[in-house]
PDB file of N, CA and C in Angstrom:
ATOM      1  N   MET A   1       0.847  -1.174   0.000  1.00  0.00           N
ATOM      2  CA  MET A   1       0.000   0.000   0.000  1.00  0.00           C
ATOM      3  C   MET A   1       0.891   1.235   0.000  1.00  0.00           C
ATOM      4  N   SER A   2       0.662   2.113  -0.953  1.00  0.00           N
ATOM      5  CA  SER A   2       1.375   3.388  -0.933  1.00  0.00           C
ATOM      6  C   SER A   2       0.491   4.392  -0.212  1.00  0.00           C
ATOM      7  N   LEU A   3       1.108   5.338   0.416  1.00  0.00           N
ATOM      8  CA  LEU A   3       0.353   6.305   1.207  1.00  0.00           C
ATOM      9  C   LEU A   3       0.008   7.526   0.378  1.00  0.00           C
ATOM     10  N   SER A   4      -1.231   7.921   0.463  1.00  0.00           N
ATOM     11  CA  SER A   4      -1.684   9.159  -0.159  1.00  0.00           C
ATOM     12  C   SER A   4      -2.864   9.678   0.655  1.00  0.00           C
ATOM     13  N   ALA A   5      -3.249  10.884   0.381  1.00  0.00           N
ATOM     14  CA  ALA A   5      -4.362  11.476   1.126  1.00  0.00           C
ATOM     15  C   ALA A   5      -5.633  10.656   0.932  1.00  0.00           C
ATOM     16  N   ASN A   6      -5.756   9.982  -0.190  1.00  0.00           N
ATOM     17  CA  ASN A   6      -6.966   9.218  -0.481  1.00  0.00           C
ATOM     18  C   ASN A   6      -7.064   7.919   0.293  1.00  0.00           C
ATOM     19  N   ASN A   7      -5.948   7.394   0.785  1.00  0.00           N
ATOM     20  CA  ASN A   7      -6.042   6.096   1.445  1.00  0.00           C
ATOM     21  C   ASN A   7      -5.699   6.132   2.929  1.00  0.00           C
ATOM     22  N   SER A   8      -5.926   7.255   3.579  1.00  0.00           N
ATOM     23  CA  SER A   8      -5.677   7.316   5.017  1.00  0.00           C
ATOM     24  C   SER A   8      -6.638   6.399   5.762  1.00  0.00           C
ATOM     25  N   GLU A   9      -7.827   6.184   5.213  1.00  0.00           N
ATOM     26  CA  GLU A   9      -8.778   5.251   5.827  1.00  0.00           C
ATOM     27  C   GLU A   9      -8.263   3.820   5.707  1.00  0.00           C
ATOM     28  N   ALA A  10      -7.657   3.470   4.583  1.00  0.00           N
ATOM     29  CA  ALA A  10      -7.085   2.131   4.412  1.00  0.00           C
ATOM     30  C   ALA A  10      -5.913   1.931   5.374  1.00  0.00           C
ATOM     31  N   PHE A  11      -5.128   2.985   5.580  1.00  0.00           N
ATOM     32  CA  PHE A  11      -4.022   2.914   6.537  1.00  0.00           C
ATOM     33  C   PHE A  11      -4.569   2.634   7.939  1.00  0.00           C
ATOM     34  N   ALA A  12      -5.603   3.351   8.335  1.00  0.00           N
ATOM     35  CA  ALA A  12      -6.198   3.163   9.663  1.00  0.00           C
ATOM     36  C   ALA A  12      -6.728   1.743   9.823  1.00  0.00           C
ATOM     37  N   LYS A  13      -7.384   1.215   8.800  1.00  0.00           N
ATOM     38  CA  LYS A  13      -7.907  -0.151   8.858  1.00  0.00           C
ATOM     39  C   LYS A  13      -6.766  -1.163   8.980  1.00  0.00           C
ATOM     40  N   HIS A  14      -5.681  -0.916   8.269  1.00  0.00           N
ATOM     41  CA  HIS A  14      -4.533  -1.819   8.325  1.00  0.00           C
ATOM     42  C   HIS A  14      -3.921  -1.818   9.729  1.00  0.00           C
ATOM     43  N   ILE A  15      -3.769  -0.652  10.322  1.00  0.00           N
ATOM     44  CA  ILE A  15      -3.223  -0.552  11.679  1.00  0.00           C
ATOM     45  C   ILE A  15      -4.161  -1.235  12.672  1.00  0.00           C
ATOM     46  N   GLU A  16      -5.457  -0.994  12.549  1.00  0.00           N
ATOM     47  CA  GLU A  16      -6.430  -1.645  13.435  1.00  0.00           C
ATOM     48  C   GLU A  16      -6.339  -3.168  13.326  1.00  0.00           C
ATOM     49  N   ARG A  17      -6.174  -3.665  12.116  1.00  0.00           N
ATOM     50  CA  ARG A  17      -6.048  -5.106  11.904  1.00  0.00           C
ATOM     51  C   ARG A  17      -4.802  -5.649  12.594  1.00  0.00           C
ATOM     52  N   LEU A  18      -3.691  -4.940  12.490  1.00  0.00           N
ATOM     53  CA  LEU A  18      -2.465  -5.360  13.172  1.00  0.00           C
ATOM     54  C   LEU A  18      -2.651  -5.371  14.683  1.00  0.00           C
ATOM     55  N   VAL A  19      -3.319  -4.365  15.201  1.00  0.00           N
ATOM     56  CA  VAL A  19      -3.547  -4.274  16.647  1.00  0.00           C
ATOM     57  C   VAL A  19      -4.366  -5.467  17.134  1.00  0.00           C
ATOM     58  N   HIS A  20      -5.407  -5.806  16.399  1.00  0.00           N
ATOM     59  CA  HIS A  20      -6.309  -6.864  16.853  1.00  0.00           C
ATOM     60  C   HIS A  20      -5.815  -8.268  16.514  1.00  0.00           C
ATOM     61  N   GLU A  21      -5.267  -8.472  15.322  1.00  0.00           N
ATOM     62  CA  GLU A  21      -4.848  -9.810  14.920  1.00  0.00           C
ATOM     63  C   GLU A  21      -3.508 -10.221  15.531  1.00  0.00           C
ATOM     64  N   LYS A  22      -2.561  -9.291  15.557  1.00  0.00           N
ATOM     65  CA  LYS A  22      -1.227  -9.617  16.069  1.00  0.00           C
ATOM     66  C   LYS A  22      -1.042  -9.220  17.529  1.00  0.00           C
ATOM     67  N   LYS A  23      -2.095  -8.651  18.122  1.00  0.00           N
ATOM     68  CA  LYS A  23      -2.059  -8.227  19.528  1.00  0.00           C
ATOM     69  C   LYS A  23      -0.921  -7.235  19.790  1.00  0.00           C
ATOM     70  N   LEU A  24      -0.768  -6.269  18.867  1.00  0.00           N
ATOM     71  CA  LEU A  24       0.247  -5.230  19.010  1.00  0.00           C
ATOM     72  C   LEU A  24      -0.391  -3.989  19.615  1.00  0.00           C
ATOM     73  N   THR A  25       0.427  -3.153  20.224  1.00  0.00           N
ATOM     74  CA  THR A  25      -0.052  -1.842  20.628  1.00  0.00           C
ATOM     75  C   THR A  25      -0.122  -0.979  19.364  1.00  0.00           C
ATOM     76  N   TYR A  26      -0.764   0.161  19.455  1.00  0.00           N
ATOM     77  CA  TYR A  26      -0.817   1.050  18.288  1.00  0.00           C
ATOM     78  C   TYR A  26       0.596   1.509  17.905  1.00  0.00           C
ATOM     79  N   ILE A  27       1.408   1.795  18.894  1.00  0.00           N
ATOM     80  CA  ILE A  27       2.783   2.216  18.610  1.00  0.00           C
ATOM     81  C   ILE A  27       3.520   1.104  17.868  1.00  0.00           C
ATOM     82  N   GLU A  28       3.414  -0.120  18.374  1.00  0.00           N
ATOM     83  CA  GLU A  28       4.079  -1.261  17.742  1.00  0.00           C
ATOM     84  C   GLU A  28       3.540  -1.504  16.334  1.00  0.00           C
ATOM     85  N   ALA A  29       2.235  -1.367  16.153  1.00  0.00           N
ATOM     86  CA  ALA A  29       1.621  -1.596  14.844  1.00  0.00           C
ATOM     87  C   ALA A  29       2.115  -0.581  13.812  1.00  0.00           C
ATOM     88  N   VAL A  30       2.184   0.680  14.204  1.00  0.00           N
ATOM     89  CA  VAL A  30       2.661   1.710  13.272  1.00  0.00           C
ATOM     90  C   VAL A  30       4.137   1.476  12.946  1.00  0.00           C
ATOM     91  N   LEU A  31       4.931   1.136  13.956  1.00  0.00           N
ATOM     92  CA  LEU A  31       6.350   0.869  13.704  1.00  0.00           C
ATOM     93  C   LEU A  31       6.527  -0.371  12.822  1.00  0.00           C
ATOM     94  N   HIS A  32       5.719  -1.400  13.047  1.00  0.00           N
ATOM     95  CA  HIS A  32       5.761  -2.612  12.209  1.00  0.00           C
ATOM     96  C   HIS A  32       5.423  -2.257  10.765  1.00  0.00           C
ATOM     97  N   PHE A  33       4.377  -1.456  10.580  1.00  0.00           N
ATOM     98  CA  PHE A  33       3.980  -1.006   9.252  1.00  0.00           C
ATOM     99  C   PHE A  33       5.136  -0.286   8.565  1.00  0.00           C
ATOM    100  N   CYS A  34       5.777   0.617   9.292  1.00  0.00           N
ATOM    101  CA  CYS A  34       6.888   1.394   8.733  1.00  0.00           C
ATOM    102  C   CYS A  34       8.091   0.501   8.397  1.00  0.00           C
ATOM    103  N   GLU A  35       8.419  -0.423   9.291  1.00  0.00           N
ATOM    104  CA  GLU A  35       9.556  -1.312   9.059  1.00  0.00           C
ATOM    105  C   GLU A  35       9.344  -2.182   7.830  1.00  0.00           C
ATOM    106  N   THR A  36       8.150  -2.758   7.697  1.00  0.00           N
ATOM    107  CA  THR A  36       7.905  -3.657   6.567  1.00  0.00           C
ATOM    108  C   THR A  36       7.876  -2.929   5.239  1.00  0.00           C
ATOM    109  N   ARG A  37       7.615  -1.634   5.268  1.00  0.00           N
ATOM    110  CA  ARG A  37       7.572  -0.847   4.031  1.00  0.00           C
ATOM    111  C   ARG A  37       8.755   0.099   3.881  1.00  0.00           C
ATOM    112  N   ARG A  38       9.697  -0.035   4.802  1.00  0.00           N
ATOM    113  CA  ARG A  38      10.901   0.808   4.792  1.00  0.00           C
ATOM    114  C   ARG A  38      10.558   2.293   4.732  1.00  0.00           C
ATOM    115  N   LEU A  39       9.668   2.692   5.633  1.00  0.00           N
ATOM    116  CA  LEU A  39       9.260   4.090   5.758  1.00  0.00           C
ATOM    117  C   LEU A  39       9.759   4.641   7.074  1.00  0.00           C
ATOM    118  N   GLU A  40       9.993   5.923   7.112  1.00  0.00           N
ATOM    119  CA  GLU A  40      10.306   6.592   8.368  1.00  0.00           C
ATOM    120  C   GLU A  40       8.992   6.819   9.107  1.00  0.00           C
ATOM    121  N   PRO A  41       8.961   6.579  10.414  1.00  0.00           N
ATOM    122  CA  PRO A  41       7.708   6.787  11.156  1.00  0.00           C
ATOM    123  C   PRO A  41       7.120   8.188  10.984  1.00  0.00           C
ATOM    124  N   GLU A  42       7.972   9.185  10.821  1.00  0.00           N
ATOM    125  CA  GLU A  42       7.484  10.553  10.641  1.00  0.00           C
ATOM    126  C   GLU A  42       6.641  10.685   9.376  1.00  0.00           C
ATOM    127  N   SER A  43       6.887   9.837   8.390  1.00  0.00           N
ATOM    128  CA  SER A  43       6.171   9.956   7.120  1.00  0.00           C
ATOM    129  C   SER A  43       4.716   9.515   7.215  1.00  0.00           C
ATOM    130  N   VAL A  44       4.349   8.759   8.239  1.00  0.00           N
ATOM    131  CA  VAL A  44       2.966   8.316   8.369  1.00  0.00           C
ATOM    132  C   VAL A  44       2.165   9.181   9.342  1.00  0.00           C
ATOM    133  N   ALA A  45       2.806  10.126   9.991  1.00  0.00           N
ATOM    134  CA  ALA A  45       2.123  10.985  10.968  1.00  0.00           C
ATOM    135  C   ALA A  45       0.865  11.647  10.410  1.00  0.00           C
ATOM    136  N   PRO A  46       0.869  12.143   9.176  1.00  0.00           N
ATOM    137  CA  PRO A  46      -0.355  12.780   8.664  1.00  0.00           C
ATOM    138  C   PRO A  46      -1.530  11.819   8.506  1.00  0.00           C
ATOM    139  N   TYR A  47      -1.269  10.534   8.501  1.00  0.00           N
ATOM    140  CA  TYR A  47      -2.317   9.537   8.287  1.00  0.00           C
ATOM    141  C   TYR A  47      -2.883   8.969   9.585  1.00  0.00           C
ATOM    142  N   LEU A  48      -2.356   9.403  10.720  1.00  0.00           N
ATOM    143  CA  LEU A  48      -2.845   8.908  12.008  1.00  0.00           C
ATOM    144  C   LEU A  48      -4.178   9.569  12.345  1.00  0.00           C
ATOM    145  N   SER A  49      -5.168   8.740  12.639  1.00  0.00           N
ATOM    146  CA  SER A  49      -6.471   9.267  13.025  1.00  0.00           C
ATOM    147  C   SER A  49      -6.401   9.778  14.459  1.00  0.00           C
ATOM    148  N   THR A  50      -7.401  10.520  14.836  1.00  0.00           N
ATOM    149  CA  THR A  50      -7.482  11.015  16.216  1.00  0.00           C
ATOM    150  C   THR A  50      -7.528   9.844  17.184  1.00  0.00           C
ATOM    151  N   LYS A  51      -8.255   8.789  16.834  1.00  0.00           N
ATOM    152  CA  LYS A  51      -8.335   7.600  17.683  1.00  0.00           C
ATOM    153  C   LYS A  51      -6.948   6.994  17.883  1.00  0.00           C
ATOM    154  N   MET A  52      -6.170   6.878  16.804  1.00  0.00           N
ATOM    155  CA  MET A  52      -4.822   6.307  16.915  1.00  0.00           C
ATOM    156  C   MET A  52      -3.914   7.208  17.741  1.00  0.00           C
ATOM    157  N   LYS A  53      -3.999   8.513  17.531  1.00  0.00           N
ATOM    158  CA  LYS A  53      -3.173   9.447  18.289  1.00  0.00           C
ATOM    159  C   LYS A  53      -3.475   9.347  19.781  1.00  0.00           C
ATOM    160  N   THR A  54      -4.765   9.266  20.105  1.00  0.00           N
ATOM    161  CA  THR A  54      -5.173   9.161  21.504  1.00  0.00           C
ATOM    162  C   THR A  54      -4.669   7.856  22.114  1.00  0.00           C
ATOM    163  N   ALA A  55      -4.828   6.754  21.384  1.00  0.00           N
ATOM    164  CA  ALA A  55      -4.376   5.452  21.880  1.00  0.00           C
ATOM    165  C   ALA A  55      -2.858   5.428  22.054  1.00  0.00           C
ATOM    166  N   MET A  56      -2.138   6.005  21.108  1.00  0.00           N
ATOM    167  CA  MET A  56      -0.674   6.034  21.189  1.00  0.00           C
ATOM    168  C   MET A  56      -0.214   6.899  22.359  1.00  0.00           C
ATOM    169  N   ALA A  57      -0.888   8.015  22.587  1.00  0.00           N
ATOM    170  CA  ALA A  57      -0.524   8.877  23.710  1.00  0.00           C
ATOM    171  C   ALA A  57      -0.755   8.158  25.034  1.00  0.00           C
ATOM    172  N   LYS A  58      -1.869   7.434  25.130  1.00  0.00           N
ATOM    173  CA  LYS A  58      -2.151   6.670  26.349  1.00  0.00           C
ATOM    174  C   LYS A  58      -1.102   5.580  26.564  1.00  0.00           C
ATOM    175  N   GLU A  59      -0.749   4.875  25.498  1.00  0.00           N
ATOM    176  CA  GLU A  59       0.293   3.842  25.605  1.00  0.00           C
ATOM    177  C   GLU A  59       1.617   4.453  26.070  1.00  0.00           C
ATOM    178  N   ALA A  60       1.952   5.599  25.516  1.00  0.00           N
ATOM    179  CA  ALA A  60       3.211   6.253  25.878  1.00  0.00           C
ATOM    180  C   ALA A  60       3.209   6.694  27.338  1.00  0.00           C
ATOM    181  N   VAL A  61       2.083   7.207  27.820  1.00  0.00           N
ATOM    182  CA  VAL A  61       1.985   7.600  29.229  1.00  0.00           C
ATOM    183  C   VAL A  61       2.077   6.367  30.114  1.00  0.00           C
ATOM    184  N   ASP A  62       1.356   5.299  29.735  1.00  0.00           N
ATOM    185  CA  ASP A  62       1.375   4.053  30.519  1.00  0.00           C
ATOM    186  C   ASP A  62       2.780   3.458  30.615  1.00  0.00           C
ATOM    187  N   ARG A  63       3.581   3.662  29.576  1.00  0.00           N
ATOM    188  CA  ARG A  63       4.947   3.120  29.556  1.00  0.00           C
ATOM    189  C   ARG A  63       5.979   4.151  30.033  1.00  0.00           C
ATOM    190  N   HIS A  64       5.485   5.267  30.538  1.00  0.00           N
ATOM    191  CA  HIS A  64       6.340   6.341  31.067  1.00  0.00           C
ATOM    192  C   HIS A  64       7.262   6.932  29.997  1.00  0.00           C
ATOM    193  N   LEU A  65       6.772   6.952  28.764  1.00  0.00           N
ATOM    194  CA  LEU A  65       7.507   7.594  27.678  1.00  0.00           C
ATOM    195  C   LEU A  65       7.096   9.056  27.528  1.00  0.00           C
ATOM    196  N   LEU A  66       5.888   9.366  27.997  1.00  0.00           N
ATOM    197  CA  LEU A  66       5.373  10.737  28.012  1.00  0.00           C
ATOM    198  C   LEU A  66       4.812  11.019  29.395  1.00  0.00           C
ATOM    199  N   ARG A  67       4.878  12.265  29.791  1.00  0.00           N
ATOM    200  CA  ARG A  67       4.240  12.654  31.040  1.00  0.00           C
ATOM    201  C   ARG A  67       2.760  12.855  30.777  1.00  0.00           C
ATOM    202  N   ALA A  68       1.953  12.518  31.740  1.00  0.00           N
ATOM    203  CA  ALA A  68       0.513  12.726  31.603  1.00  0.00           C
ATOM    204  C   ALA A  68       0.241  14.209  31.449  1.00  0.00           C
ATOM    205  N   ARG A  69      -0.589  14.574  30.482  1.00  0.00           N
ATOM    206  CA  ARG A  69      -0.933  15.958  30.229  1.00  0.00           C
ATOM    207  C   ARG A  69      -2.407  16.040  29.909  1.00  0.00           C
ATOM    208  N   ARG A  70      -2.890  17.227  29.997  1.00  0.00           N
ATOM    209  CA  ARG A  70      -4.299  17.429  29.652  1.00  0.00           C
ATOM    210  C   ARG A  70      -4.507  17.436  28.144  1.00  0.00           C
ATOM    211  N   GLU A  71      -3.534  17.897  27.407  1.00  0.00           N
ATOM    212  CA  GLU A  71      -3.658  17.987  25.957  1.00  0.00           C
ATOM    213  C   GLU A  71      -2.681  17.033  25.311  1.00  0.00           C
ATOM    214  N   LEU A  72      -3.055  16.508  24.158  1.00  0.00           N
ATOM    215  CA  LEU A  72      -2.176  15.623  23.423  1.00  0.00           C
ATOM    216  C   LEU A  72      -1.044  16.431  22.794  1.00  0.00           C
ATOM    217  N   PRO A  73       0.151  15.856  22.709  1.00  0.00           N
ATOM    218  CA  PRO A  73       1.289  16.589  22.163  1.00  0.00           C
ATOM    219  C   PRO A  73       1.376  16.552  20.645  1.00  0.00           C
ATOM    220  N   PHE A  74       0.265  16.303  19.944  1.00  0.00           N
ATOM    221  CA  PHE A  74       0.284  16.229  18.481  1.00  0.00           C
ATOM    222  C   PHE A  74      -0.140  17.543  17.888  1.00  0.00           C
ATOM    223  N   ASP A  75       0.480  17.894  16.777  1.00  0.00           N
ATOM    224  CA  ASP A  75       0.089  19.078  16.027  1.00  0.00           C
ATOM    225  C   ASP A  75      -0.936  18.644  14.989  1.00  0.00           C
ATOM    226  N   ASP A  76      -1.934  19.454  14.779  1.00  0.00           N
ATOM    227  CA  ASP A  76      -2.938  19.123  13.757  1.00  0.00           C
ATOM    228  C   ASP A  76      -2.694  19.901  12.516  1.00  0.00           C
TER     229      ASP A  76
END
C-alpha cells in the first residue's frame, strides 16, 4: 500500500487489523507497518487518526515515555 491522502482510511484499517490480529499496541503496529515498508515513522504521521493518536498517547503515558498531560502533544 502506498500512502496518499486518499487512502488514510485504508491505513487506519490496516493498523487496526495489526492491533487486533497480532495483539500489538498502536505504537508497535505503526512501527511494524513502517519497518515492513521501509518508511520513516514521521512519514505516516499525517495519516494517524485522532483515535490512533489518543491510543498512542495513552500507551506512551502508561509506559512512562510521556508525562501525563491534559492535551495531546500532536500538532494538527
